């Protein structure tokens, strides 16, 4: 999932259960309506290739490094707001069908996820 600065969902992609979401990050970044100033992600998205891609589109990456890598420069106010997507997931999981994954097919799960995100947009 990719969210805007206000903590509202912009786009979704579903990954198979055994796959990581990092390869889908480039596709999700293309779905943004405009180039963001910063792209904020958690440590699981750390890769030099993704950071280079973010720089190439004109944004600045705010992705913490792995523990064995050197520190990455990032303003404290950006770093402190990294949990925006986590809070969005918590709000979406208030829908029982999302939290328990009642919808078994990817198509129906994405439909209920989009509906919940749309209602979240309307409320905010």
PDB file of N, CA and C in Angstrom:
ATOM      1  N   UNK A   1       0.844  -1.167   0.000  1.00  0.00           N
ATOM      2  CA  UNK A   1       0.000   0.000   0.000  1.00  0.00           C
ATOM      3  C   UNK A   1       0.887   1.227   0.000  1.00  0.00           C
ATOM      4  N   UNK A   2       0.395   2.254  -0.655  1.00  0.00           N
ATOM      5  CA  UNK A   2       1.068   3.543  -0.629  1.00  0.00           C
ATOM      6  C   UNK A   2       0.049   4.565  -0.144  1.00  0.00           C
ATOM      7  N   UNK A   3       0.489   5.461   0.731  1.00  0.00           N
ATOM      8  CA  UNK A   3      -0.401   6.449   1.335  1.00  0.00           C
ATOM      9  C   UNK A   3       0.162   7.845   1.098  1.00  0.00           C
ATOM     10  N   UNK A   4      -0.715   8.827   1.147  1.00  0.00           N
ATOM     11  CA  UNK A   4      -0.267  10.210   1.014  1.00  0.00           C
ATOM     12  C   UNK A   4       0.164  10.741   2.379  1.00  0.00           C
ATOM     13  N   UNK A   5       0.551  11.994   2.426  1.00  0.00           N
ATOM     14  CA  UNK A   5       1.029  12.596   3.661  1.00  0.00           C
ATOM     15  C   UNK A   5      -0.019  12.705   4.741  1.00  0.00           C
ATOM     16  N   UNK A   6      -1.294  12.653   4.361  1.00  0.00           N
ATOM     17  CA  UNK A   6      -2.376  12.718   5.330  1.00  0.00           C
ATOM     18  C   UNK A   6      -2.776  11.362   5.886  1.00  0.00           C
ATOM     19  N   UNK A   7      -2.068  10.324   5.500  1.00  0.00           N
ATOM     20  CA  UNK A   7      -2.381   8.994   6.006  1.00  0.00           C
ATOM     21  C   UNK A   7      -3.569   8.345   5.317  1.00  0.00           C
ATOM     22  N   UNK A   8      -3.822   8.715   4.067  1.00  0.00           N
ATOM     23  CA  UNK A   8      -4.928   8.134   3.299  1.00  0.00           C
ATOM     24  C   UNK A   8      -4.355   7.256   2.197  1.00  0.00           C
ATOM     25  N   UNK A   9      -4.985   6.122   1.964  1.00  0.00           N
ATOM     26  CA  UNK A   9      -4.508   5.172   0.962  1.00  0.00           C
ATOM     27  C   UNK A   9      -4.626   5.757  -0.440  1.00  0.00           C
ATOM     28  N   UNK A  10      -3.600   5.549  -1.239  1.00  0.00           N
ATOM     29  CA  UNK A  10      -3.602   6.001  -2.626  1.00  0.00           C
ATOM     30  C   UNK A  10      -3.707   4.809  -3.564  1.00  0.00           C
ATOM     31  N   UNK A  11      -2.960   3.751  -3.283  1.00  0.00           N
ATOM     32  CA  UNK A  11      -2.967   2.581  -4.169  1.00  0.00           C
ATOM     33  C   UNK A  11      -2.623   1.328  -3.380  1.00  0.00           C
ATOM     34  N   UNK A  12      -3.084   0.196  -3.893  1.00  0.00           N
ATOM     35  CA  UNK A  12      -2.839  -1.105  -3.280  1.00  0.00           C
ATOM     36  C   UNK A  12      -2.279  -2.066  -4.313  1.00  0.00           C
ATOM     37  N   UNK A  13      -1.479  -2.986  -3.878  1.00  0.00           N
ATOM     38  CA  UNK A  13      -1.071  -4.158  -4.654  1.00  0.00           C
ATOM     39  C   UNK A  13      -1.060  -5.322  -3.687  1.00  0.00           C
ATOM     40  N   UNK A  14      -1.503  -6.461  -4.135  1.00  0.00           N
ATOM     41  CA  UNK A  14      -1.520  -7.648  -3.299  1.00  0.00           C
ATOM     42  C   UNK A  14      -0.346  -8.543  -3.670  1.00  0.00           C
ATOM     43  N   UNK A  15       0.410  -8.958  -2.674  1.00  0.00           N
ATOM     44  CA  UNK A  15       1.544  -9.852  -2.898  1.00  0.00           C
ATOM     45  C   UNK A  15       1.150 -11.269  -2.485  1.00  0.00           C
ATOM     46  N   UNK A  16       1.704 -12.266  -3.153  1.00  0.00           N
ATOM     47  CA  UNK A  16       1.467 -13.628  -2.683  1.00  0.00           C
ATOM     48  C   UNK A  16       2.005 -13.778  -1.256  1.00  0.00           C
ATOM     49  N   UNK A  17       1.453 -14.702  -0.512  1.00  0.00           N
ATOM     50  CA  UNK A  17       1.832 -14.856   0.886  1.00  0.00           C
ATOM     51  C   UNK A  17       3.297 -15.108   1.123  1.00  0.00           C
ATOM     52  N   UNK A  18       3.986 -15.746   0.192  1.00  0.00           N
ATOM     53  CA  UNK A  18       5.389 -16.089   0.383  1.00  0.00           C
ATOM     54  C   UNK A  18       6.336 -15.033  -0.185  1.00  0.00           C
ATOM     55  N   UNK A  19       5.822 -13.983  -0.793  1.00  0.00           N
ATOM     56  CA  UNK A  19       6.663 -12.979  -1.454  1.00  0.00           C
ATOM     57  C   UNK A  19       6.734 -11.695  -0.635  1.00  0.00           C
ATOM     58  N   UNK A  20       7.815 -10.967  -0.806  1.00  0.00           N
ATOM     59  CA  UNK A  20       7.976  -9.673  -0.148  1.00  0.00           C
ATOM     60  C   UNK A  20       7.356  -8.585  -1.009  1.00  0.00           C
ATOM     61  N   UNK A  21       6.978  -7.486  -0.386  1.00  0.00           N
ATOM     62  CA  UNK A  21       6.318  -6.401  -1.101  1.00  0.00           C
ATOM     63  C   UNK A  21       7.294  -5.457  -1.787  1.00  0.00           C
ATOM     64  N   UNK A  22       8.583  -5.515  -1.474  1.00  0.00           N
ATOM     65  CA  UNK A  22       9.543  -4.554  -2.016  1.00  0.00           C
ATOM     66  C   UNK A  22       9.547  -4.487  -3.539  1.00  0.00           C
ATOM     67  N   UNK A  23       9.457  -5.602  -4.282  1.00  0.00           N
ATOM     68  CA  UNK A  23       9.439  -5.481  -5.741  1.00  0.00           C
ATOM     69  C   UNK A  23       8.244  -4.689  -6.282  1.00  0.00           C
ATOM     70  N   UNK A  24       7.183  -4.573  -5.518  1.00  0.00           N
ATOM     71  CA  UNK A  24       6.004  -3.834  -5.969  1.00  0.00           C
ATOM     72  C   UNK A  24       6.100  -2.341  -5.693  1.00  0.00           C
ATOM     73  N   UNK A  25       7.128  -1.919  -4.975  1.00  0.00           N
ATOM     74  CA  UNK A  25       7.242  -0.518  -4.574  1.00  0.00           C
ATOM     75  C   UNK A  25       7.339   0.415  -5.781  1.00  0.00           C
ATOM     76  N   UNK A  26       8.093   0.021  -6.794  1.00  0.00           N
ATOM     77  CA  UNK A  26       8.226   0.880  -7.982  1.00  0.00           C
ATOM     78  C   UNK A  26       6.888   1.085  -8.678  1.00  0.00           C
ATOM     79  N   UNK A  27       6.112   0.024  -8.791  1.00  0.00           N
ATOM     80  CA  UNK A  27       4.798   0.126  -9.426  1.00  0.00           C
ATOM     81  C   UNK A  27       3.894   1.050  -8.625  1.00  0.00           C
ATOM     82  N   UNK A  28       3.927   0.930  -7.307  1.00  0.00           N
ATOM     83  CA  UNK A  28       3.091   1.782  -6.469  1.00  0.00           C
ATOM     84  C   UNK A  28       3.523   3.241  -6.543  1.00  0.00           C
ATOM     85  N   UNK A  29       4.812   3.490  -6.637  1.00  0.00           N
ATOM     86  CA  UNK A  29       5.285   4.875  -6.747  1.00  0.00           C
ATOM     87  C   UNK A  29       4.789   5.531  -8.032  1.00  0.00           C
ATOM     88  N   UNK A  30       4.632   4.753  -9.096  1.00  0.00           N
ATOM     89  CA  UNK A  30       4.101   5.306 -10.349  1.00  0.00           C
ATOM     90  C   UNK A  30       2.636   5.691 -10.238  1.00  0.00           C
ATOM     91  N   UNK A  31       1.931   5.144  -9.268  1.00  0.00           N
ATOM     92  CA  UNK A  31       0.504   5.423  -9.106  1.00  0.00           C
ATOM     93  C   UNK A  31       0.243   6.733  -8.362  1.00  0.00           C
ATOM     94  N   UNK A  32       1.285   7.348  -7.823  1.00  0.00           N
ATOM     95  CA  UNK A  32       1.102   8.626  -7.132  1.00  0.00           C
ATOM     96  C   UNK A  32       0.703   9.705  -8.124  1.00  0.00           C
ATOM     97  N   UNK A  33      -0.201  10.607  -7.727  1.00  0.00           N
ATOM     98  CA  UNK A  33      -0.634  11.657  -8.652  1.00  0.00           C
ATOM     99  C   UNK A  33       0.459  12.669  -8.985  1.00  0.00           C
ATOM    100  N   UNK A  34       1.417  12.866  -8.092  1.00  0.00           N
ATOM    101  CA  UNK A  34       2.528  13.789  -8.337  1.00  0.00           C
ATOM    102  C   UNK A  34       3.760  13.267  -7.621  1.00  0.00           C
ATOM    103  N   UNK A  35       4.907  13.803  -7.970  1.00  0.00           N
ATOM    104  CA  UNK A  35       6.154  13.359  -7.346  1.00  0.00           C
ATOM    105  C   UNK A  35       6.214  13.905  -5.923  1.00  0.00           C
ATOM    106  N   UNK A  36       6.379  13.041  -4.929  1.00  0.00           N
ATOM    107  CA  UNK A  36       6.434  13.517  -3.547  1.00  0.00           C
ATOM    108  C   UNK A  36       7.801  14.123  -3.226  1.00  0.00           C
ATOM    109  N   UNK A  37       7.842  14.914  -2.180  1.00  0.00           N
ATOM    110  CA  UNK A  37       9.120  15.450  -1.718  1.00  0.00           C
ATOM    111  C   UNK A  37       9.944  14.345  -1.063  1.00  0.00           C
ATOM    112  N   UNK A  38       9.268  13.542  -0.263  1.00  0.00           N
ATOM    113  CA  UNK A  38       9.912  12.444   0.466  1.00  0.00           C
ATOM    114  C   UNK A  38       9.132  11.158   0.228  1.00  0.00           C
ATOM    115  N   UNK A  39       9.837  10.047   0.170  1.00  0.00           N
ATOM    116  CA  UNK A  39       9.228   8.725   0.164  1.00  0.00           C
ATOM    117  C   UNK A  39       9.684   8.054   1.455  1.00  0.00           C
ATOM    118  N   UNK A  40       8.739   7.807   2.327  1.00  0.00           N
ATOM    119  CA  UNK A  40       9.028   7.254   3.646  1.00  0.00           C
ATOM    120  C   UNK A  40       8.612   5.795   3.663  1.00  0.00           C
ATOM    121  N   UNK A  41       9.502   4.932   4.131  1.00  0.00           N
ATOM    122  CA  UNK A  41       9.205   3.503   4.216  1.00  0.00           C
ATOM    123  C   UNK A  41       9.907   2.932   5.444  1.00  0.00           C
ATOM    124  N   UNK A  42       9.530   1.716   5.821  1.00  0.00           N
ATOM    125  CA  UNK A  42      10.192   1.102   6.964  1.00  0.00           C
ATOM    126  C   UNK A  42      11.417   0.316   6.505  1.00  0.00           C
ATOM    127  N   UNK A  43      12.118  -0.231   7.460  1.00  0.00           N
ATOM    128  CA  UNK A  43      13.392  -0.894   7.215  1.00  0.00           C
ATOM    129  C   UNK A  43      13.286  -2.071   6.234  1.00  0.00           C
ATOM    130  N   UNK A  44      12.134  -2.690   6.130  1.00  0.00           N
ATOM    131  CA  UNK A  44      11.959  -3.811   5.223  1.00  0.00           C
ATOM    132  C   UNK A  44      12.123  -3.434   3.754  1.00  0.00           C
ATOM    133  N   UNK A  45      12.024  -2.170   3.435  1.00  0.00           N
ATOM    134  CA  UNK A  45      12.149  -1.712   2.051  1.00  0.00           C
ATOM    135  C   UNK A  45      13.548  -1.203   1.728  1.00  0.00           C
ATOM    136  N   UNK A  46      14.500  -1.437   2.612  1.00  0.00           N
ATOM    137  CA  UNK A  46      15.864  -0.986   2.386  1.00  0.00           C
ATOM    138  C   UNK A  46      16.492  -1.737   1.223  1.00  0.00           C
ATOM    139  N   UNK A  47      16.883  -1.004   0.217  1.00  0.00           N
ATOM    140  CA  UNK A  47      17.695  -1.543  -0.881  1.00  0.00           C
ATOM    141  C   UNK A  47      18.285  -0.356  -1.625  1.00  0.00           C
ATOM    142  N   UNK A  48      19.493  -0.545  -2.102  1.00  0.00           N
ATOM    143  CA  UNK A  48      20.137   0.539  -2.845  1.00  0.00           C
ATOM    144  C   UNK A  48      19.398   0.826  -4.147  1.00  0.00           C
ATOM    145  N   UNK A  49      18.871  -0.224  -4.774  1.00  0.00           N
ATOM    146  CA  UNK A  49      18.154  -0.039  -6.039  1.00  0.00           C
ATOM    147  C   UNK A  49      16.886   0.790  -5.838  1.00  0.00           C
ATOM    148  N   UNK A  50      16.146   0.536  -4.768  1.00  0.00           N
ATOM    149  CA  UNK A  50      14.929   1.315  -4.508  1.00  0.00           C
ATOM    150  C   UNK A  50      15.275   2.755  -4.163  1.00  0.00           C
ATOM    151  N   UNK A  51      16.319   2.951  -3.376  1.00  0.00           N
ATOM    152  CA  UNK A  51      16.736   4.326  -3.064  1.00  0.00           C
ATOM    153  C   UNK A  51      17.137   5.078  -4.338  1.00  0.00           C
ATOM    154  N   UNK A  52      17.887   4.424  -5.205  1.00  0.00           N
ATOM    155  CA  UNK A  52      18.281   5.064  -6.471  1.00  0.00           C
ATOM    156  C   UNK A  52      17.060   5.398  -7.328  1.00  0.00           C
ATOM    157  N   UNK A  53      16.082   4.503  -7.348  1.00  0.00           N
ATOM    158  CA  UNK A  53      14.860   4.768  -8.118  1.00  0.00           C
ATOM    159  C   UNK A  53      14.122   5.986  -7.551  1.00  0.00           C
ATOM    160  N   UNK A  54      14.045   6.078  -6.244  1.00  0.00           N
ATOM    161  CA  UNK A  54      13.371   7.223  -5.611  1.00  0.00           C
ATOM    162  C   UNK A  54      14.092   8.518  -5.956  1.00  0.00           C
ATOM    163  N   UNK A  55      15.430   8.510  -5.902  1.00  0.00           N
ATOM    164  CA  UNK A  55      16.190   9.699  -6.283  1.00  0.00           C
ATOM    165  C   UNK A  55      15.944  10.036  -7.753  1.00  0.00           C
ATOM    166  N   UNK A  56      15.838   9.011  -8.616  1.00  0.00           N
ATOM    167  CA  UNK A  56      15.684   9.256 -10.053  1.00  0.00           C
ATOM    168  C   UNK A  56      14.336   9.880 -10.413  1.00  0.00           C
ATOM    169  N   UNK A  57      13.308   9.650  -9.606  1.00  0.00           N
ATOM    170  CA  UNK A  57      12.009  10.272  -9.910  1.00  0.00           C
ATOM    171  C   UNK A  57      11.902  11.676  -9.330  1.00  0.00           C
ATOM    172  N   UNK A  58      12.906  12.099  -8.562  1.00  0.00           N
ATOM    173  CA  UNK A  58      12.923  13.457  -8.038  1.00  0.00           C
ATOM    174  C   UNK A  58      12.495  13.585  -6.592  1.00  0.00           C
ATOM    175  N   UNK A  59      12.397  12.478  -5.873  1.00  0.00           N
ATOM    176  CA  UNK A  59      12.031  12.507  -4.459  1.00  0.00           C
ATOM    177  C   UNK A  59      13.248  12.120  -3.619  1.00  0.00           C
ATOM    178  N   UNK A  60      13.120  12.300  -2.327  1.00  0.00           N
ATOM    179  CA  UNK A  60      14.197  11.924  -1.409  1.00  0.00           C
ATOM    180  C   UNK A  60      13.733  10.732  -0.586  1.00  0.00           C
ATOM    181  N   UNK A  61      14.531   9.673  -0.502  1.00  0.00           N
ATOM    182  CA  UNK A  61      14.135   8.509   0.288  1.00  0.00           C
ATOM    183  C   UNK A  61      14.375   8.726   1.776  1.00  0.00           C
ATOM    184  N   UNK A  62      13.444   8.284   2.580  1.00  0.00           N
ATOM    185  CA  UNK A  62      13.586   8.290   4.043  1.00  0.00           C
ATOM    186  C   UNK A  62      13.333   6.863   4.514  1.00  0.00           C
ATOM    187  N   UNK A  63      14.289   6.005   4.194  1.00  0.00           N
ATOM    188  CA  UNK A  63      14.192   4.589   4.530  1.00  0.00           C
ATOM    189  C   UNK A  63      15.356   4.271   5.459  1.00  0.00           C
ATOM    190  N   UNK A  64      15.089   3.798   6.667  1.00  0.00           N
ATOM    191  CA  UNK A  64      16.194   3.498   7.574  1.00  0.00           C
ATOM    192  C   UNK A  64      17.074   2.373   7.022  1.00  0.00           C
ATOM    193  N   UNK A  65      18.362   2.426   7.297  1.00  0.00           N
ATOM    194  CA  UNK A  65      19.261   1.392   6.794  1.00  0.00           C
ATOM    195  C   UNK A  65      19.140   0.098   7.614  1.00  0.00           C
ATOM    196  N   UNK A  66      19.647  -0.983   7.034  1.00  0.00           N
ATOM    197  CA  UNK A  66      19.752  -2.220   7.800  1.00  0.00           C
ATOM    198  C   UNK A  66      20.755  -1.996   8.930  1.00  0.00           C
ATOM    199  N   UNK A  67      20.740  -2.847   9.911  1.00  0.00           N
ATOM    200  CA  UNK A  67      21.594  -2.656  11.090  1.00  0.00           C
ATOM    201  C   UNK A  67      23.089  -2.693  10.752  1.00  0.00           C
ATOM    202  N   UNK A  68      23.473  -3.407   9.700  1.00  0.00           N
ATOM    203  CA  UNK A  68      24.890  -3.514   9.349  1.00  0.00           C
ATOM    204  C   UNK A  68      25.338  -2.385   8.411  1.00  0.00           C
ATOM    205  N   UNK A  69      24.436  -1.524   7.960  1.00  0.00           N
ATOM    206  CA  UNK A  69      24.769  -0.422   7.064  1.00  0.00           C
ATOM    207  C   UNK A  69      24.992   0.865   7.861  1.00  0.00           C
ATOM    208  N   UNK A  70      25.609   1.815   7.217  1.00  0.00           N
ATOM    209  CA  UNK A  70      25.838   3.110   7.846  1.00  0.00           C
ATOM    210  C   UNK A  70      24.552   3.913   7.932  1.00  0.00           C
ATOM    211  N   UNK A  71      24.542   4.967   8.746  1.00  0.00           N
ATOM    212  CA  UNK A  71      23.335   5.781   8.897  1.00  0.00           C
ATOM    213  C   UNK A  71      22.991   6.551   7.616  1.00  0.00           C
ATOM    214  N   UNK A  72      21.716   6.851   7.476  1.00  0.00           N
ATOM    215  CA  UNK A  72      21.212   7.617   6.337  1.00  0.00           C
ATOM    216  C   UNK A  72      20.678   8.939   6.869  1.00  0.00           C
ATOM    217  N   UNK A  73      21.045  10.028   6.225  1.00  0.00           N
ATOM    218  CA  UNK A  73      20.593  11.350   6.669  1.00  0.00           C
ATOM    219  C   UNK A  73      19.099  11.502   6.414  1.00  0.00           C
ATOM    220  N   UNK A  74      18.388  11.897   7.452  1.00  0.00           N
ATOM    221  CA  UNK A  74      16.947  12.099   7.346  1.00  0.00           C
ATOM    222  C   UNK A  74      16.517  13.041   8.467  1.00  0.00           C
ATOM    223  N   UNK A  75      15.740  14.077   8.156  1.00  0.00           N
ATOM    224  CA  UNK A  75      15.267  14.971   9.213  1.00  0.00           C
ATOM    225  C   UNK A  75      14.418  14.214  10.237  1.00  0.00           C
ATOM    226  N   UNK A  76      14.500  14.632  11.472  1.00  0.00           N
ATOM    227  CA  UNK A  76      13.786  13.945  12.557  1.00  0.00           C
ATOM    228  C   UNK A  76      12.272  13.969  12.344  1.00  0.00           C
ATOM    229  N   UNK A  77      11.726  15.066  11.819  1.00  0.00           N
ATOM    230  CA  UNK A  77      10.268  15.149  11.657  1.00  0.00           C
ATOM    231  C   UNK A  77       9.777  14.178  10.598  1.00  0.00           C
ATOM    232  N   UNK A  78      10.592  13.876   9.591  1.00  0.00           N
ATOM    233  CA  UNK A  78      10.222  12.861   8.597  1.00  0.00           C
ATOM    234  C   UNK A  78      10.314  11.481   9.235  1.00  0.00           C
ATOM    235  N   UNK A  79      11.411  11.239   9.914  1.00  0.00           N
ATOM    236  CA  UNK A  79      11.637   9.933  10.532  1.00  0.00           C
ATOM    237  C   UNK A  79      10.550   9.615  11.560  1.00  0.00           C
ATOM    238  N   UNK A  80      10.083  10.603  12.280  1.00  0.00           N
ATOM    239  CA  UNK A  80       9.077  10.372  13.326  1.00  0.00           C
ATOM    240  C   UNK A  80       7.690  10.095  12.767  1.00  0.00           C
ATOM    241  N   UNK A  81       7.435  10.403  11.520  1.00  0.00           N
ATOM    242  CA  UNK A  81       6.123  10.166  10.919  1.00  0.00           C
ATOM    243  C   UNK A  81       6.076   8.924  10.039  1.00  0.00           C
ATOM    244  N   UNK A  82       7.046   8.020  10.211  1.00  0.00           N
ATOM    245  CA  UNK A  82       7.067   6.814   9.389  1.00  0.00           C
ATOM    246  C   UNK A  82       5.906   5.882   9.690  1.00  0.00           C
ATOM    247  N   UNK A  83       5.293   5.990  10.835  1.00  0.00           N
ATOM    248  CA  UNK A  83       4.219   5.061  11.211  1.00  0.00           C
ATOM    249  C   UNK A  83       2.867   5.447  10.608  1.00  0.00           C
ATOM    250  N   UNK A  84       2.838   6.382   9.698  1.00  0.00           N
ATOM    251  CA  UNK A  84       1.594   6.826   9.068  1.00  0.00           C
ATOM    252  C   UNK A  84       0.872   5.668   8.375  1.00  0.00           C
ATOM    253  N   UNK A  85       1.610   4.840   7.658  1.00  0.00           N
ATOM    254  CA  UNK A  85       0.997   3.702   6.963  1.00  0.00           C
ATOM    255  C   UNK A  85       0.535   2.650   7.967  1.00  0.00           C
ATOM    256  N   UNK A  86       1.296   2.459   9.033  1.00  0.00           N
ATOM    257  CA  UNK A  86       0.888   1.487  10.062  1.00  0.00           C
ATOM    258  C   UNK A  86      -0.431   1.906  10.714  1.00  0.00           C
ATOM    259  N   UNK A  87      -0.580   3.203  10.958  1.00  0.00           N
ATOM    260  CA  UNK A  87      -1.840   3.682  11.533  1.00  0.00           C
ATOM    261  C   UNK A  87      -2.990   3.523  10.546  1.00  0.00           C
ATOM    262  N   UNK A  88      -2.698   3.712   9.255  1.00  0.00           N
ATOM    263  CA  UNK A  88      -3.724   3.505   8.234  1.00  0.00           C
ATOM    264  C   UNK A  88      -4.159   2.045   8.216  1.00  0.00           C
ATOM    265  N   UNK A  89      -3.209   1.120   8.266  1.00  0.00           N
ATOM    266  CA  UNK A  89      -3.572  -0.306   8.306  1.00  0.00           C
ATOM    267  C   UNK A  89      -4.426  -0.608   9.522  1.00  0.00           C
ATOM    268  N   UNK A  90      -4.094  -0.021  10.664  1.00  0.00           N
ATOM    269  CA  UNK A  90      -4.887  -0.257  11.876  1.00  0.00           C
ATOM    270  C   UNK A  90      -6.322   0.212  11.689  1.00  0.00           C
ATOM    271  N   UNK A  91      -6.504   1.371  11.020  1.00  0.00           N
ATOM    272  CA  UNK A  91      -7.855   1.862  10.770  1.00  0.00           C
ATOM    273  C   UNK A  91      -8.610   0.973   9.791  1.00  0.00           C
ATOM    274  N   UNK A  92      -7.915   0.495   8.764  1.00  0.00           N
ATOM    275  CA  UNK A  92      -8.573  -0.383   7.794  1.00  0.00           C
ATOM    276  C   UNK A  92      -8.917  -1.740   8.411  1.00  0.00           C
ATOM    277  N   UNK A  93      -8.095  -2.193   9.332  1.00  0.00           N
ATOM    278  CA  UNK A  93      -8.358  -3.489   9.969  1.00  0.00           C
ATOM    279  C   UNK A  93      -9.499  -3.432  10.974  1.00  0.00           C
ATOM    280  N   UNK A  94     -10.052  -2.263  11.200  1.00  0.00           N
ATOM    281  CA  UNK A  94     -11.263  -2.181  12.005  1.00  0.00           C
ATOM    282  C   UNK A  94     -12.418  -2.860  11.278  1.00  0.00           C
ATOM    283  N   UNK A  95     -12.302  -2.998   9.967  1.00  0.00           N
ATOM    284  CA  UNK A  95     -13.269  -3.765   9.183  1.00  0.00           C
ATOM    285  C   UNK A  95     -12.964  -5.237   9.417  1.00  0.00           C
ATOM    286  N   UNK A  96     -13.901  -5.963   9.892  1.00  0.00           N
ATOM    287  CA  UNK A  96     -13.691  -7.362  10.235  1.00  0.00           C
ATOM    288  C   UNK A  96     -13.262  -8.193   9.024  1.00  0.00           C
ATOM    289  N   UNK A  97     -13.827  -7.917   7.865  1.00  0.00           N
ATOM    290  CA  UNK A  97     -13.491  -8.677   6.662  1.00  0.00           C
ATOM    291  C   UNK A  97     -12.034  -8.483   6.253  1.00  0.00           C
ATOM    292  N   UNK A  98     -11.441  -7.337   6.595  1.00  0.00           N
ATOM    293  CA  UNK A  98     -10.040  -7.093   6.272  1.00  0.00           C
ATOM    294  C   UNK A  98      -9.134  -7.727   7.317  1.00  0.00           C
ATOM    295  N   UNK A  99      -9.480  -7.556   8.578  1.00  0.00           N
ATOM    296  CA  UNK A  99      -8.642  -8.082   9.648  1.00  0.00           C
ATOM    297  C   UNK A  99      -8.537  -9.599   9.617  1.00  0.00           C
ATOM    298  N   UNK A 100      -9.626 -10.276   9.276  1.00  0.00           N
ATOM    299  CA  UNK A 100      -9.633 -11.739   9.303  1.00  0.00           C
ATOM    300  C   UNK A 100      -9.470 -12.360   7.926  1.00  0.00           C
ATOM    301  N   UNK A 101      -9.447 -11.539   6.879  1.00  0.00           N
ATOM    302  CA  UNK A 101      -9.306 -11.995   5.493  1.00  0.00           C
ATOM    303  C   UNK A 101     -10.380 -13.020   5.139  1.00  0.00           C
ATOM    304  N   UNK A 102     -11.649 -12.630   5.421  1.00  0.00           N
ATOM    305  CA  UNK A 102     -12.772 -13.493   5.058  1.00  0.00           C
ATOM    306  C   UNK A 102     -12.856 -13.692   3.554  1.00  0.00           C
ATOM    307  N   UNK A 103     -12.547 -12.652   2.815  1.00  0.00           N
ATOM    308  CA  UNK A 103     -12.609 -12.742   1.360  1.00  0.00           C
ATOM    309  C   UNK A 103     -11.446 -13.595   0.885  1.00  0.00           C
ATOM    310  N   UNK A 104     -11.720 -14.699   0.265  1.00  0.00           N
ATOM    311  CA  UNK A 104     -10.662 -15.648  -0.088  1.00  0.00           C
ATOM    312  C   UNK A 104      -9.966 -15.350  -1.408  1.00  0.00           C
ATOM    313  N   UNK A 105     -10.651 -14.749  -2.348  1.00  0.00           N
ATOM    314  CA  UNK A 105      -9.992 -14.445  -3.614  1.00  0.00           C
ATOM    315  C   UNK A 105      -9.360 -13.061  -3.545  1.00  0.00           C
ATOM    316  N   UNK A 106      -8.297 -12.885  -4.297  1.00  0.00           N
ATOM    317  CA  UNK A 106      -7.601 -11.600  -4.310  1.00  0.00           C
ATOM    318  C   UNK A 106      -8.518 -10.484  -4.799  1.00  0.00           C
ATOM    319  N   UNK A 107      -9.332 -10.782  -5.789  1.00  0.00           N
ATOM    320  CA  UNK A 107     -10.218  -9.774  -6.368  1.00  0.00           C
ATOM    321  C   UNK A 107     -11.236  -9.273  -5.341  1.00  0.00           C
ATOM    322  N   UNK A 108     -11.858 -10.190  -4.599  1.00  0.00           N
ATOM    323  CA  UNK A 108     -12.861  -9.758  -3.620  1.00  0.00           C
ATOM    324  C   UNK A 108     -12.203  -9.087  -2.410  1.00  0.00           C
ATOM    325  N   UNK A 109     -10.993  -9.533  -2.027  1.00  0.00           N
ATOM    326  CA  UNK A 109     -10.300  -8.884  -0.911  1.00  0.00           C
ATOM    327  C   UNK A 109      -9.908  -7.461  -1.282  1.00  0.00           C
ATOM    328  N   UNK A 110      -9.394  -7.260  -2.500  1.00  0.00           N
ATOM    329  CA  UNK A 110      -9.052  -5.908  -2.939  1.00  0.00           C
ATOM    330  C   UNK A 110     -10.297  -5.024  -3.022  1.00  0.00           C
ATOM    331  N   UNK A 111     -11.428  -5.602  -3.392  1.00  0.00           N
ATOM    332  CA  UNK A 111     -12.661  -4.818  -3.471  1.00  0.00           C
ATOM    333  C   UNK A 111     -13.056  -4.298  -2.093  1.00  0.00           C
ATOM    334  N   UNK A 112     -13.016  -5.156  -1.084  1.00  0.00           N
ATOM    335  CA  UNK A 112     -13.394  -4.713   0.262  1.00  0.00           C
ATOM    336  C   UNK A 112     -12.346  -3.752   0.826  1.00  0.00           C
ATOM    337  N   UNK A 113     -11.079  -3.951   0.465  1.00  0.00           N
ATOM    338  CA  UNK A 113     -10.016  -3.048   0.900  1.00  0.00           C
ATOM    339  C   UNK A 113     -10.207  -1.663   0.281  1.00  0.00           C
ATOM    340  N   UNK A 114     -10.555  -1.627  -0.988  1.00  0.00           N
ATOM    341  CA  UNK A 114     -10.800  -0.333  -1.652  1.00  0.00           C
ATOM    342  C   UNK A 114     -12.028   0.362  -1.078  1.00  0.00           C
ATOM    343  N   UNK A 115     -13.021  -0.420  -0.736  1.00  0.00           N
ATOM    344  CA  UNK A 115     -14.223   0.180  -0.142  1.00  0.00           C
ATOM    345  C   UNK A 115     -13.907   0.800   1.210  1.00  0.00           C
ATOM    346  N   UNK A 116     -13.173   0.089   2.035  1.00  0.00           N
ATOM    347  CA  UNK A 116     -12.795   0.617   3.343  1.00  0.00           C
ATOM    348  C   UNK A 116     -11.929   1.859   3.192  1.00  0.00           C
ATOM    349  N   UNK A 117     -10.986   1.832   2.247  1.00  0.00           N
ATOM    350  CA  UNK A 117     -10.122   2.998   2.031  1.00  0.00           C
ATOM    351  C   UNK A 117     -10.920   4.189   1.503  1.00  0.00           C
ATOM    352  N   UNK A 118     -11.895   3.927   0.655  1.00  0.00           N
ATOM    353  CA  UNK A 118     -12.741   5.019   0.138  1.00  0.00           C
ATOM    354  C   UNK A 118     -13.542   5.675   1.252  1.00  0.00           C
ATOM    355  N   UNK A 119     -14.098   4.875   2.130  1.00  0.00           N
ATOM    356  CA  UNK A 119     -14.840   5.433   3.265  1.00  0.00           C
ATOM    357  C   UNK A 119     -13.907   6.188   4.208  1.00  0.00           C
ATOM    358  N   UNK A 120     -12.686   5.728   4.334  1.00  0.00           N
ATOM    359  CA  UNK A 120     -11.707   6.457   5.159  1.00  0.00           C
ATOM    360  C   UNK A 120     -11.387   7.805   4.536  1.00  0.00           C
ATOM    361  N   UNK A 121     -11.275   7.871   3.194  1.00  0.00           N
ATOM    362  CA  UNK A 121     -11.056   9.145   2.500  1.00  0.00           C
ATOM    363  C   UNK A 121     -12.214  10.100   2.758  1.00  0.00           C
ATOM    364  N   UNK A 122     -13.433   9.577   2.683  1.00  0.00           N
ATOM    365  CA  UNK A 122     -14.615  10.437   2.862  1.00  0.00           C
ATOM    366  C   UNK A 122     -14.667  10.994   4.275  1.00  0.00           C
ATOM    367  N   UNK A 123     -14.338  10.181   5.251  1.00  0.00           N
ATOM    368  CA  UNK A 123     -14.384  10.621   6.659  1.00  0.00           C
ATOM    369  C   UNK A 123     -13.304  11.623   6.993  1.00  0.00           C
ATOM    370  N   UNK A 124     -12.157  11.549   6.299  1.00  0.00           N
ATOM    371  CA  UNK A 124     -11.051  12.445   6.682  1.00  0.00           C
ATOM    372  C   UNK A 124     -10.986  13.701   5.859  1.00  0.00           C
TER     373      UNK A 124
END
